Amino acid sequence: MALAVVLLSALVMVGSVAAADYGWGVNWGNIDSHPLSPSVVVGMLKDNGIQKVKLFDSDHWTVSALAGTGIEVMIAIPNNQLDRFTDYGTAKNWVKNNVTVHIHDGGVNIKYVAVGNEPFLTTYNGSYLGTTFPALKNIQKALEENGLVDKIKATVPLNADVYESNSNMPSQGDFREDIKDLMIDIVKFLKEKDSPFVVNIYPFLSLYQNPDFPTDFAFFDGVDKPINDKGKTYSNVFEANFDTLVWTLKKNGVGDLKIVVGEIGWPTDGHPQATVENAKKFYDGLSKSLATNKGTPMRSGRVNVYLFSLLDENMKSVAPGKFERHWGLFRYDGRPKFPMDLTGKGHDKLLIGAKNVQYLESKWCVFNSKKEEGDSKIPVAMDYACSRADCTPLAYGGSCNNLDSNGNISYAFNMFFQMNDQSVEACDFDGLGEITTQNASTGTCLFPIEIVSGANKVGLVYAVSAMAGLLLILLVFV
């Protein structure tokens, strides 16, 4: 028995040190109707040995949950707030209230402040071109004035579309012409302040956006016809893309600027290529590649990455595609989706899931079997449900794409029902819906039961405390 305990402990340790040993970090977003409480998520990070996390805001509850863990944290300023930080006073107050407040013994190990997130995407039509660099300079100045110059750096996570190659050869890389002058100013500033260039690289999107893109080039298993560029050989798009950036920086006078991959991952639903099998294949290949610490043909050494993402987020915009809500290594409730090899040495294992997750009751909302499928109210009801809940698994190639018409209706109704905390009214649909205790899941299609979110739990605690206080007052005066 003692030997079994020792062996189990050893296995846990192998999993928990892997992420730290090979430079893994994760992105932790919370665009979700029922987010897990920060303490539960931090427990997941610790259990899996994940020592770096990248956030998309500076929410005090979330950041405070990381106190005392030693986990390296990147907090962020959202794009829609950048214009405020062109004023130095605002930047100074923000650093005081969102950074220095966490810096103390037993506090939060903040490493970076991300100023915006992919602010120069072409789809933004230049909305943040005039505010990003001034905001970056003001945040960095405020960090320096607070004596944090050697501890915390400001940077701007950028999409790989800020650079391009007119021949698809990495050596032809350069900054996009419309932002070239601005990008040169930014990278020289980053170099001066010893801050990294943070880039988001998505091989999946190369495959998604171009039907003629060679599928094998998105993964790490080799290709029949690798790219040869000035004696450097490329058999996957990740290394080719990364080195396009290396060449771009080199051409613009900052060839040794540190690079961090801020986002990289593979979704698991909402598109024919977004499957659990492909995600596992991608991550296993990436893990093996990074574990060698050889780097890329143009940049040797360890490549530091933040996987995107930790959890599925059911309220993200689907403008980029239906897959956008399914990037998580874990499901919405913190359950791991597939075994992963964090070591790059063939040690496949399930990540450790969230603990002490509380679910709503075991009941579902389905299409009322007494109603006719041809009821004219059904399309309206489905549109209503799916515009306010997550129906992306019903998309072509999705995990629920093979349901019959009744199944499609039931799925839409149930998602709306769950996202509205199983309210009886949320399963009415003018008499088209009915509540059942029989699990409606079938095949690959999960009809989920929603969790009690961290926010709801906090609200419940306050409500119970308030009620207890009221009862105490009544007893005193009885």
Foldseek 3Di string as FASTA:
>chain_A
DVVVVVVVVVVQVVQQCLQVLLQEAFEDEAQALFAAQLLLVVVLCRSRNHQEYEYAAQPPRNQQSQFQVNREYEHEDAQVCQQVQLDLVSLLVCCVVRPPVQDDVRGGQYAEYAYHEQNPPVVNVCPCVVRRVSSQVSNQVSCVVVVCLPRYHYAHEHELLQWDAPVLFLLRIAGDPVCRVVVLVRLVVCVVSLHAHEYADELVVVVVVDVPPDPQQSAQPFDPDWDADPNFTGGHVVLRSVSSVLNHCVVSPRNPGHYAHEEYFAFDFLDQCRRPVNRQRRQLNVLLVQLVQQHHRSDGGHHNYHYPHAEFHWNDDQVVGLRNRGRHCAYSQFFGDAWHDSNSPPPTDTRDGGPPWAFADQKFKFFDPVDDLPPPLQVVLLVVLVVPFRPSLCHVNHLNVPDDSRLSSRLSLRRQCQSVVNDPVSRPSVNGMDMDNDQPDDDSRHSDTGTNHPVNVVVVVVVVVVVVVVVVVVVVVD
